[in-house]
Amino acid sequence: IITTDYLNTCEYDPDKHPSCPKFRILKILQIIETNPHEYELMFFYGSLIEIRITWKCNLDRHLKYCEPVYEFQRLDIKPYEANPYDPGSNFLTSRHFFLPNSHELHRIHTHIYKLQIIVSVTGEAGKFDLFQTTTSIGSFLGIFGTGSIVCDLIATFLNNFKRVKYGN
């Protein structure tokens, strides 16, 4: 059960606290990557990480049973040695400036590597509705009734057609 006290004291752990929304970067890295040497490369070259939060709630039950499921996934290409041209998550930025008493434009390029975290949240909730269920069942049965009427009309038309054409 998620309460305010629980949220103030918890820290995400897949075994002890799977519903806690507070994450430590090291815990996320331990979940998505088992090799500790890879952590250094992720910090050096940058990395792209997805936190996927999924809510599936049955509104016929109490809301305390409606809890999120957290999944972690690494989205960048690894290992870095195999793909040296586009490692991790990075971007290039430039700063343009003039030096004092100068009319010459100067530029500094900075290559920034980062841990980029994408959080995607999806949800699904449903509740049983007697009216919707009976409407669906009625429509289903109505299709069978319409089908028998159409078959009767076709059979009647073909019988009349046969009698008119052959004179029987």
Foldseek 3Di string as FASTA:
>chain_A
DDDPVCQVPDEDDVVPCQQHPHYDPVRLCVVADVDPVVVVVCAVAPFEKEKEKEWEEEVVDDCVPTGIGIDMYTDFDDDCVVPVPRDHDKDKDKDWDADPPDPDIDMDIDIDHYHHYHYHYYYDYDYDDPVVVVVVVVVVVVVVVVVVVVVVVVVVVVVVVVCVPVVD
